[in-house]
Protein backbone atom coordinates (compact mmCIF):
# COMPACT_ATOMS: atom_id res chain seq x y z
CA MET A 1 -103.49 40.04 73.75
CA GLU A 2 -106.79 41.65 72.42
CA LEU A 3 -107.13 41.77 68.83
CA ASN A 4 -106.35 45.11 67.09
CA LEU A 5 -109.41 45.57 64.80
CA LYS A 6 -110.16 48.15 62.14
CA ASN A 7 -113.32 46.13 61.09
CA PRO A 8 -115.71 43.65 62.92
CA ILE A 9 -114.23 40.07 62.58
CA VAL A 10 -116.61 36.95 62.62
CA PHE A 11 -115.01 33.72 63.91
CA PHE A 12 -117.26 30.81 62.82
CA ASP A 13 -117.44 27.00 62.79
CA ILE A 14 -119.79 24.48 60.95
CA GLU A 15 -120.78 21.15 61.65
CA SER A 16 -121.94 19.17 58.37
CA THR A 17 -123.48 16.19 56.94
CA GLY A 18 -120.10 15.05 55.69
CA LEU A 19 -116.92 16.42 54.17
CA ASP A 20 -117.89 16.71 50.44
CA ILE A 21 -117.94 20.54 49.85
CA ALA A 22 -120.16 19.92 46.80
CA LYS A 23 -122.63 17.55 48.06
CA ASP A 24 -122.77 18.03 51.98
CA ARG A 25 -124.76 20.52 53.87
CA ILE A 26 -124.47 22.46 57.26
CA VAL A 27 -126.25 21.18 60.30
CA GLU A 28 -124.78 23.67 62.88
CA ILE A 29 -123.08 26.96 62.61
CA CYS A 30 -121.77 29.05 65.32
CA ALA A 31 -120.31 32.58 64.83
CA VAL A 32 -118.86 34.94 67.24
CA LYS A 33 -118.68 38.61 66.05
CA ILE A 34 -115.95 40.77 67.69
CA MET A 35 -116.44 44.52 67.35
CA PRO A 36 -113.32 46.80 67.30
CA ASP A 37 -114.44 48.04 70.80
CA GLY A 38 -114.18 44.57 72.16
CA ARG A 39 -117.84 43.70 72.46
CA GLU A 40 -118.78 40.23 71.35
CA GLU A 41 -122.08 38.78 69.96
CA VAL A 42 -122.61 35.02 69.70
CA LYS A 43 -124.97 33.21 67.25
CA THR A 44 -125.47 29.46 67.30
CA ARG A 45 -128.02 27.93 64.96
CA ARG A 46 -128.91 24.34 63.92
CA ILE A 47 -130.15 23.78 60.42
CA ASN A 48 -132.10 21.13 58.57
CA PRO A 49 -129.79 20.06 55.93
CA THR A 50 -132.50 18.35 53.83
CA ILE A 51 -130.23 15.38 53.36
CA PRO A 52 -129.19 12.52 55.73
CA ILE A 53 -126.39 13.21 58.09
CA SER A 54 -123.71 10.49 57.39
CA PRO A 55 -122.90 8.18 60.32
CA GLU A 56 -119.30 9.24 60.21
CA ALA A 57 -120.29 12.93 60.76
CA GLN A 58 -122.75 12.04 63.53
CA ALA A 59 -120.08 10.17 65.31
CA VAL A 60 -117.96 13.21 65.35
CA HIS A 61 -120.58 15.96 66.16
CA GLY A 62 -123.11 13.93 67.86
CA ILE A 63 -126.05 15.56 65.66
CA SER A 64 -128.68 13.31 64.36
CA ASP A 65 -131.31 13.60 61.59
CA GLU A 66 -134.05 13.74 64.30
CA ASP A 67 -132.13 16.53 66.18
CA VAL A 68 -132.38 18.78 63.20
CA LYS A 69 -135.81 17.77 61.51
CA ASP A 70 -137.71 20.65 62.65
CA CYS A 71 -135.04 23.24 62.32
CA PRO A 72 -134.96 25.85 59.39
CA VAL A 73 -133.32 24.94 56.27
CA PHE A 74 -130.34 27.23 55.43
CA LYS A 75 -132.38 29.28 52.68
CA GLN A 76 -134.52 30.57 55.58
CA ILE A 77 -131.69 32.12 57.48
CA ALA A 78 -129.11 32.81 54.67
CA LYS A 79 -130.10 36.58 54.20
CA SER A 80 -130.18 37.54 57.80
CA LEU A 81 -126.78 35.64 58.22
CA ALA A 82 -125.21 37.57 55.19
CA ASN A 83 -126.57 40.85 56.54
CA TRP A 84 -125.11 40.05 60.01
CA MET A 85 -121.73 39.20 58.49
CA GLU A 86 -121.47 42.20 56.09
CA GLY A 87 -118.66 44.29 56.36
CA CYS A 88 -116.79 41.75 58.59
CA ASP A 89 -113.40 39.98 58.43
CA ILE A 90 -113.56 36.20 58.78
CA GLY A 91 -111.74 33.93 61.06
CA GLY A 92 -111.68 30.29 61.77
CA TYR A 93 -109.93 27.10 62.26
CA ASN A 94 -109.40 25.21 58.98
CA SER A 95 -111.81 27.63 57.63
CA ILE A 96 -110.09 28.49 54.17
CA LYS A 97 -109.97 24.63 53.35
CA PHE A 98 -113.39 23.71 54.58
CA ASP A 99 -115.70 25.92 56.62
CA ILE A 100 -115.75 28.97 54.14
CA PRO A 101 -116.05 27.02 50.84
CA LEU A 102 -119.04 24.97 52.44
CA LEU A 103 -120.71 28.24 53.56
CA ALA A 104 -120.03 29.84 50.38
CA GLU A 105 -121.90 26.71 48.59
CA GLU A 106 -124.81 27.14 50.92
CA PHE A 107 -125.12 30.99 50.05
CA LEU A 108 -125.06 30.24 46.39
CA ARG A 109 -127.55 27.49 46.66
CA ALA A 110 -129.78 30.12 48.60
CA GLU A 111 -128.99 32.76 45.75
CA VAL A 112 -127.49 35.04 48.29
CA ASP A 113 -124.60 37.18 47.15
CA PHE A 114 -121.88 36.94 49.87
CA ASP A 115 -118.32 37.06 48.36
CA PHE A 116 -115.73 36.01 51.09
CA ARG A 117 -113.09 36.99 48.53
CA LYS A 118 -113.74 40.68 49.45
CA ARG A 119 -113.06 39.88 53.07
CA LYS A 120 -109.71 39.38 55.00
CA LEU A 121 -109.60 35.67 56.02
CA VAL A 122 -107.58 34.62 59.05
CA ASP A 123 -107.15 30.78 59.36
CA VAL A 124 -105.94 30.19 62.98
CA GLN A 125 -105.10 26.42 62.05
CA ASN A 126 -102.57 27.78 59.27
CA ILE A 127 -100.93 30.12 61.75
CA PHE A 128 -100.81 27.19 64.23
CA HIS A 129 -99.27 24.65 61.76
CA LYS A 130 -96.58 27.34 60.57
CA MET A 131 -95.61 27.75 64.15
CA GLU A 132 -96.04 24.53 66.12
CA GLN A 133 -98.03 21.74 63.94
CA ARG A 134 -100.99 20.73 66.19
CA THR A 135 -104.77 20.19 66.21
CA LEU A 136 -107.31 22.46 67.62
CA SER A 137 -107.57 20.75 71.03
CA ALA A 138 -103.83 20.51 71.02
CA ALA A 139 -103.69 24.24 70.15
CA TYR A 140 -106.09 25.03 72.73
CA LYS A 141 -104.03 23.26 75.55
CA PHE A 142 -100.69 24.62 74.15
CA TYR A 143 -101.67 28.23 73.97
CA CYS A 144 -104.51 28.62 76.50
CA GLN A 145 -103.65 25.85 79.12
CA LYS A 146 -107.02 24.57 78.93
CA ASP A 147 -108.73 21.29 77.91
CA LEU A 148 -111.28 21.77 75.21
CA GLU A 149 -114.55 20.52 76.67
CA ASN A 150 -117.32 19.65 73.99
CA ALA A 151 -114.81 19.47 71.13
CA HIS A 152 -116.69 19.25 67.71
CA SER A 153 -119.47 21.35 68.84
CA ALA A 154 -119.71 24.39 66.77
CA GLU A 155 -119.81 26.73 69.68
CA ALA A 156 -116.98 25.28 71.69
CA ASP A 157 -114.71 25.09 68.69
CA THR A 158 -115.71 28.59 67.61
CA ILE A 159 -114.87 30.28 71.08
CA ALA A 160 -111.62 28.16 71.39
CA THR A 161 -110.64 29.30 67.95
CA TYR A 162 -110.90 32.95 69.01
CA GLU A 163 -109.01 32.59 72.26
CA VAL A 164 -106.23 30.57 70.50
CA LEU A 165 -105.67 33.44 68.13
CA LYS A 166 -105.49 36.04 71.00
CA ALA A 167 -102.85 33.69 72.72
CA GLN A 168 -100.88 33.11 69.52
CA LEU A 169 -100.43 37.01 69.38
CA ASP A 170 -99.14 36.91 72.95
CA LYS A 171 -96.86 34.01 72.24
CA TYR A 172 -95.20 35.38 68.86
CA PRO A 173 -95.10 39.12 69.24
CA GLU A 174 -91.80 39.27 67.19
CA THR A 175 -93.24 37.26 64.23
CA LEU A 176 -97.03 38.22 64.52
CA LYS A 177 -98.56 41.58 63.85
CA ASN A 178 -101.72 42.59 65.65
CA ASP A 179 -103.46 43.35 62.39
CA ILE A 180 -105.98 41.35 60.49
CA GLY A 181 -104.54 42.08 57.09
CA PHE A 182 -101.18 40.67 58.24
CA LEU A 183 -102.84 37.61 59.86
CA ALA A 184 -104.82 36.99 56.84
CA ASP A 185 -101.84 37.04 54.64
CA PHE A 186 -99.74 34.94 57.12
CA SER A 187 -102.41 32.42 57.42
CA LEU A 188 -102.86 32.01 53.62
CA LYS A 189 -101.50 28.58 52.31
CA SER A 190 -102.35 28.80 48.65
CA ARG A 191 -103.38 31.04 45.87
CA ASN A 192 -106.86 29.51 45.09
CA LEU A 193 -109.20 31.33 42.89
CA ASP A 194 -111.97 28.79 43.93
CA TYR A 195 -112.36 27.71 47.39
CA ALA A 196 -111.87 23.90 46.33
CA GLY A 197 -108.61 24.79 44.80
CA ARG A 198 -109.36 23.47 41.34
CA ILE A 199 -108.20 26.84 39.63
CA VAL A 200 -105.20 28.53 41.27
CA LEU A 201 -102.88 31.61 40.26
CA ASN A 202 -99.25 30.80 39.13
CA ASP A 203 -96.15 32.80 40.00
CA LYS A 204 -97.34 35.12 37.17
CA ASP A 205 -100.82 35.47 38.42
CA ILE A 206 -102.20 33.49 35.45
CA PRO A 207 -105.28 31.18 36.20
CA ILE A 208 -104.11 27.70 35.75
CA ILE A 209 -106.10 24.29 36.17
CA ASN A 210 -104.81 22.45 39.49
CA PHE A 211 -106.05 19.09 38.68
CA GLY A 212 -106.72 16.30 36.17
CA LYS A 213 -105.20 15.86 32.67
CA HIS A 214 -104.79 19.62 32.24
CA LYS A 215 -103.09 20.31 35.60
CA GLY A 216 -100.65 23.12 35.29
CA ARG A 217 -102.02 24.60 32.11
CA ALA A 218 -103.48 28.12 31.67
CA VAL A 219 -107.26 28.15 32.06
CA GLU A 220 -107.72 30.25 28.93
CA THR A 221 -105.38 27.95 26.86
CA VAL A 222 -107.60 25.09 27.84
CA LEU A 223 -110.97 26.83 26.99
CA LYS A 224 -109.65 27.85 23.49
CA GLU A 225 -108.09 24.41 22.68
CA GLU A 226 -110.91 22.45 24.16
CA PRO A 227 -114.08 24.51 24.19
CA SER A 228 -116.02 21.18 25.57
CA TYR A 229 -113.94 21.37 28.98
CA TYR A 230 -116.21 24.28 29.98
CA ALA A 231 -119.51 22.31 29.51
CA TRP A 232 -117.90 19.14 31.17
CA ILE A 233 -116.98 21.27 34.32
CA MET A 234 -120.62 22.88 34.44
CA GLN A 235 -122.20 19.51 34.14
CA GLY A 236 -119.95 17.67 36.46
CA ASP A 237 -119.87 17.10 40.07
CA PHE A 238 -117.81 20.35 40.94
CA THR A 239 -118.77 22.90 43.47
CA LEU A 240 -121.05 25.88 42.41
CA ASP A 241 -118.07 28.12 43.33
CA THR A 242 -115.73 26.43 40.96
CA LYS A 243 -118.25 26.88 38.14
CA LYS A 244 -118.86 30.42 39.06
CA VAL A 245 -115.10 31.15 38.89
CA LEU A 246 -114.54 29.18 35.66
CA THR A 247 -117.67 31.26 34.10
CA GLU A 248 -116.03 34.53 35.23
CA ILE A 249 -112.93 33.78 33.37
CA LYS A 250 -114.66 32.55 30.34
CA ILE A 251 -116.68 35.96 30.24
CA LYS A 252 -113.47 37.99 30.50
CA MET A 253 -112.11 36.06 27.66
CA LEU A 254 -115.08 36.76 25.49
CA GLN A 255 -115.24 40.44 26.41
CA ARG A 256 -111.65 41.15 24.99
């Protein structure tokens, strides 16, 4: 089933130096933009991460430091990539947990304003796990009856993700609506305010801390009772996005 699109949607996949969102960097990104009329545009780019690729990551995606040493750094492509993705909804596989947070960090480092929270986010893995509980390779085999060749190359994974979503719509017509807004809501697993899930909304839509000694407590209460907590976060090894969200909450408090 072809996607019923009101806006263009960009499916993307990232290969990285490792799995730490705060510290690691992108080494390859592939994005497929699908227009409402069905036209597709594919962009694949390798990137010099400026830090070493971990042996564990290289074992997965096969990209070495030597392979990317002459490639552009992310800041050189950030603005054009953001412009190309502007106005698009976003799709991916495990994207809400990893790819989107990592790309958001890269945009913040490059000082490019791209807010994923203004987009509808469809995570094909979350749909798959709610329906079948599998990996991307198994999902591709299950839904598309194909073996995923070149798994863990950004382009192969991105195109497979797009094909899996279309096949999911065919398989579950009574459960899934061919509507990006519905699919974004269906694939959402958490109520994170920051991509790392350090700050979340409770059932009353109040921001609460989701880790450490203050887990479960309202952010505003913590900031009022322990003003040094803000400085600890800002100086600590947290993502730029987490720091940005906490700062926005603090500013709203001060403006009241």
